[in-house]
């Protein structure tokens, strides 16, 4: 016996009209293209990549801030020497 995963969309369709759900499910219209585990794994991988990019952006922002502060201090010291 094969286990079938019922999505929220299928359940809602069944609650509204069981006969329509029966017709649609028999025509294989509700067959999921990917399993929930595959979708979750892909979303997690995307999230991890996004977090890595955000960490890089945070580092670059800190470096730019430090360089900007150093430039302001340098300009201030050069103005004092004049």
N, C-alpha and C. Protein backbone atom coordinates (compact mmCIF):
# COMPACT_ATOMS: atom_id res chain seq x y z
N UNK A 1 0.84 -1.18 0.00
CA UNK A 1 0.00 0.00 0.00
C UNK A 1 0.88 1.24 0.00
N UNK A 2 0.64 2.11 -0.92
CA UNK A 2 1.44 3.32 -1.07
C UNK A 2 0.85 4.44 -0.23
N UNK A 3 1.70 5.12 0.53
CA UNK A 3 1.24 6.26 1.32
C UNK A 3 1.18 7.49 0.43
N UNK A 4 0.13 8.25 0.58
CA UNK A 4 -0.01 9.47 -0.19
C UNK A 4 -0.01 10.65 0.76
N UNK A 5 0.81 11.65 0.44
CA UNK A 5 0.87 12.86 1.23
C UNK A 5 -0.19 13.82 0.68
N UNK A 6 -1.04 14.28 1.57
CA UNK A 6 -2.10 15.21 1.16
C UNK A 6 -1.67 16.62 1.55
N UNK A 7 -1.66 17.50 0.56
CA UNK A 7 -1.26 18.88 0.80
C UNK A 7 -2.44 19.67 1.37
N UNK A 8 -2.15 20.86 1.87
CA UNK A 8 -3.21 21.73 2.40
C UNK A 8 -4.18 22.12 1.29
N UNK A 9 -3.67 22.27 0.09
CA UNK A 9 -4.52 22.63 -1.05
C UNK A 9 -5.54 21.52 -1.33
N UNK A 10 -5.07 20.29 -1.30
CA UNK A 10 -5.97 19.16 -1.52
C UNK A 10 -7.02 19.06 -0.42
N UNK A 11 -6.59 19.25 0.81
CA UNK A 11 -7.52 19.19 1.94
C UNK A 11 -8.59 20.26 1.83
N UNK A 12 -8.18 21.48 1.48
CA UNK A 12 -9.15 22.57 1.32
C UNK A 12 -10.12 22.25 0.18
N UNK A 13 -9.60 21.70 -0.90
CA UNK A 13 -10.45 21.33 -2.02
C UNK A 13 -11.47 20.27 -1.60
N UNK A 14 -11.04 19.32 -0.80
CA UNK A 14 -11.93 18.26 -0.34
C UNK A 14 -13.02 18.82 0.58
N UNK A 15 -12.64 19.75 1.45
CA UNK A 15 -13.61 20.33 2.38
C UNK A 15 -14.67 21.11 1.62
N UNK A 16 -14.28 21.84 0.59
CA UNK A 16 -15.23 22.64 -0.19
C UNK A 16 -16.15 21.73 -1.00
N UNK A 17 -15.57 20.77 -1.72
CA UNK A 17 -16.39 19.90 -2.57
C UNK A 17 -15.69 18.55 -2.74
N UNK A 18 -16.11 17.55 -1.98
CA UNK A 18 -15.45 16.24 -2.05
C UNK A 18 -15.50 15.62 -3.45
N UNK A 19 -16.58 15.84 -4.18
CA UNK A 19 -16.69 15.24 -5.50
C UNK A 19 -15.67 15.85 -6.47
N UNK A 20 -15.50 17.17 -6.40
CA UNK A 20 -14.51 17.82 -7.25
C UNK A 20 -13.10 17.34 -6.90
N UNK A 21 -12.83 17.16 -5.61
CA UNK A 21 -11.53 16.67 -5.19
C UNK A 21 -11.29 15.27 -5.75
N UNK A 22 -12.32 14.43 -5.70
CA UNK A 22 -12.21 13.07 -6.21
C UNK A 22 -11.88 13.06 -7.70
N UNK A 23 -12.54 13.92 -8.46
CA UNK A 23 -12.28 14.00 -9.90
C UNK A 23 -10.87 14.52 -10.19
N UNK A 24 -10.47 15.54 -9.47
CA UNK A 24 -9.14 16.11 -9.71
C UNK A 24 -8.04 15.16 -9.28
N UNK A 25 -8.22 14.49 -8.14
CA UNK A 25 -7.17 13.59 -7.68
C UNK A 25 -7.05 12.36 -8.57
N UNK A 26 -8.17 11.95 -9.17
CA UNK A 26 -8.09 10.80 -10.07
C UNK A 26 -7.42 11.17 -11.39
N UNK A 27 -7.44 12.46 -11.73
CA UNK A 27 -6.80 12.89 -12.97
C UNK A 27 -5.33 13.26 -12.75
N UNK A 28 -4.82 12.99 -11.56
CA UNK A 28 -3.41 13.23 -11.22
C UNK A 28 -3.04 14.71 -11.25
N UNK A 29 -4.03 15.59 -11.14
CA UNK A 29 -3.73 17.03 -11.16
C UNK A 29 -3.07 17.47 -9.86
N UNK A 30 -3.35 16.77 -8.77
CA UNK A 30 -2.83 17.17 -7.47
C UNK A 30 -1.50 16.51 -7.12
N UNK A 31 -0.91 15.79 -8.02
CA UNK A 31 0.35 15.12 -7.71
C UNK A 31 1.45 16.16 -7.50
N UNK A 32 2.09 16.14 -6.34
CA UNK A 32 3.14 17.12 -6.09
C UNK A 32 4.36 16.86 -6.98
N UNK A 33 4.97 17.93 -7.43
CA UNK A 33 6.15 17.82 -8.29
C UNK A 33 7.39 17.45 -7.46
N UNK A 34 7.44 17.96 -6.26
CA UNK A 34 8.54 17.62 -5.35
C UNK A 34 7.95 17.23 -4.01
N UNK A 35 8.69 16.45 -3.29
CA UNK A 35 8.21 16.08 -1.97
C UNK A 35 8.48 17.23 -1.01
N UNK A 36 7.74 17.29 0.09
CA UNK A 36 7.97 18.37 1.05
C UNK A 36 9.40 18.40 1.58
N UNK A 37 10.02 17.23 1.73
CA UNK A 37 11.39 17.19 2.23
C UNK A 37 12.37 17.84 1.25
N UNK A 38 12.16 17.61 -0.05
CA UNK A 38 13.03 18.22 -1.05
C UNK A 38 12.85 19.73 -1.04
N UNK A 39 11.62 20.18 -0.94
CA UNK A 39 11.36 21.62 -0.92
C UNK A 39 11.98 22.26 0.31
N UNK A 40 11.82 21.64 1.46
CA UNK A 40 12.39 22.17 2.69
C UNK A 40 13.91 22.21 2.62
N UNK A 41 14.51 21.18 2.06
CA UNK A 41 15.97 21.14 1.96
C UNK A 41 16.47 22.25 1.04
N UNK A 42 15.76 22.48 -0.07
CA UNK A 42 16.16 23.55 -0.99
C UNK A 42 16.02 24.92 -0.33
N UNK A 43 14.91 25.13 0.39
CA UNK A 43 14.71 26.41 1.06
C UNK A 43 15.78 26.63 2.14
N UNK A 44 16.14 25.58 2.85
CA UNK A 44 17.17 25.71 3.88
C UNK A 44 18.52 26.04 3.24
N UNK A 45 18.85 25.39 2.13
CA UNK A 45 20.10 25.66 1.44
C UNK A 45 20.14 27.11 0.96
N UNK A 46 19.02 27.60 0.40
CA UNK A 46 18.95 28.99 -0.05
C UNK A 46 19.12 29.95 1.13
N UNK A 47 18.50 29.62 2.26
CA UNK A 47 18.59 30.47 3.44
C UNK A 47 20.02 30.54 3.95
N UNK A 48 20.71 29.39 3.96
CA UNK A 48 22.11 29.35 4.43
C UNK A 48 23.00 30.19 3.50
N UNK A 49 22.78 30.08 2.18
CA UNK A 49 23.57 30.88 1.24
C UNK A 49 23.31 32.37 1.46
N UNK A 50 22.07 32.71 1.71
CA UNK A 50 21.71 34.11 1.94
C UNK A 50 22.39 34.64 3.20
N UNK A 51 22.43 33.82 4.25
CA UNK A 51 23.07 34.23 5.49
C UNK A 51 24.57 34.43 5.29
N UNK A 52 25.19 33.59 4.45
CA UNK A 52 26.61 33.75 4.15
C UNK A 52 26.89 35.05 3.43
N UNK A 53 26.01 35.37 2.47
CA UNK A 53 26.16 36.63 1.74
C UNK A 53 25.95 37.83 2.64
N UNK A 54 25.00 37.72 3.56
CA UNK A 54 24.77 38.82 4.51
C UNK A 54 25.95 39.00 5.45
N UNK A 55 26.59 37.92 5.84
CA UNK A 55 27.77 38.01 6.70
C UNK A 55 28.91 38.70 5.97
N UNK A 56 29.08 38.37 4.68
CA UNK A 56 30.10 39.04 3.88
C UNK A 56 29.81 40.53 3.76
N UNK A 57 28.55 40.87 3.51
CA UNK A 57 28.16 42.26 3.38
C UNK A 57 28.42 43.03 4.68
N UNK A 58 28.15 42.38 5.81
CA UNK A 58 28.39 43.00 7.11
C UNK A 58 29.88 43.28 7.29
N UNK A 59 30.73 42.33 6.91
CA UNK A 59 32.18 42.50 7.02
C UNK A 59 32.65 43.66 6.14
N UNK A 60 32.18 43.70 4.89
CA UNK A 60 32.58 44.76 3.98
C UNK A 60 32.11 46.13 4.47
N UNK A 61 30.95 46.17 5.10
CA UNK A 61 30.45 47.42 5.65
C UNK A 61 31.33 47.91 6.78
N UNK A 62 31.76 46.99 7.65
CA UNK A 62 32.65 47.37 8.75
C UNK A 62 33.98 47.89 8.22
N UNK A 63 34.53 47.23 7.21
CA UNK A 63 35.80 47.66 6.63
C UNK A 63 35.65 49.05 6.01
N UNK A 64 34.56 49.27 5.28
CA UNK A 64 34.33 50.58 4.67
C UNK A 64 34.18 51.66 5.74
N UNK A 65 33.49 51.35 6.83
CA UNK A 65 33.32 52.31 7.92
C UNK A 65 34.65 52.67 8.55
N UNK A 66 35.49 51.67 8.81
CA UNK A 66 36.81 51.93 9.42
C UNK A 66 37.66 52.77 8.48
N UNK A 67 37.64 52.46 7.18
CA UNK A 67 38.42 53.25 6.23
C UNK A 67 37.91 54.69 6.15
N UNK A 68 36.61 54.86 6.21
CA UNK A 68 36.03 56.21 6.18
C UNK A 68 36.45 57.01 7.41
N UNK A 69 36.42 56.39 8.58
CA UNK A 69 36.84 57.07 9.81
C UNK A 69 38.31 57.44 9.73
N UNK A 70 39.13 56.53 9.21
CA UNK A 70 40.56 56.82 9.07
C UNK A 70 40.79 57.98 8.10
N UNK A 71 40.01 58.04 7.03
CA UNK A 71 40.13 59.14 6.07
C UNK A 71 39.75 60.47 6.71
N UNK A 72 38.70 60.48 7.50
CA UNK A 72 38.29 61.71 8.18
C UNK A 72 39.36 62.16 9.15
N UNK A 73 39.93 61.25 9.89
CA UNK A 73 41.00 61.60 10.83
C UNK A 73 42.21 62.14 10.08
N UNK A 74 42.58 61.51 8.97
CA UNK A 74 43.72 61.96 8.17
C UNK A 74 43.49 63.37 7.63
N UNK A 75 42.31 63.63 7.11
CA UNK A 75 42.00 64.97 6.59
C UNK A 75 42.02 65.99 7.72
N UNK A 76 41.49 65.62 8.87
CA UNK A 76 41.50 66.52 10.02
C UNK A 76 42.93 66.85 10.45
N UNK A 77 43.82 65.84 10.49
CA UNK A 77 45.21 66.07 10.89
C UNK A 77 45.95 66.91 9.85
N UNK A 78 45.66 66.72 8.59
CA UNK A 78 46.30 67.52 7.54
C UNK A 78 45.85 68.98 7.63
N UNK A 79 44.61 69.21 7.98
CA UNK A 79 44.10 70.57 8.14
C UNK A 79 44.76 71.25 9.34
N UNK A 80 45.04 70.48 10.39
CA UNK A 80 45.69 71.04 11.57
C UNK A 80 47.12 71.46 11.27
N UNK A 81 47.80 70.72 10.39
CA UNK A 81 49.19 71.03 10.06
C UNK A 81 49.30 72.28 9.20
N UNK A 82 48.27 72.64 8.49
CA UNK A 82 48.31 73.85 7.66
C UNK A 82 48.22 75.02 8.55
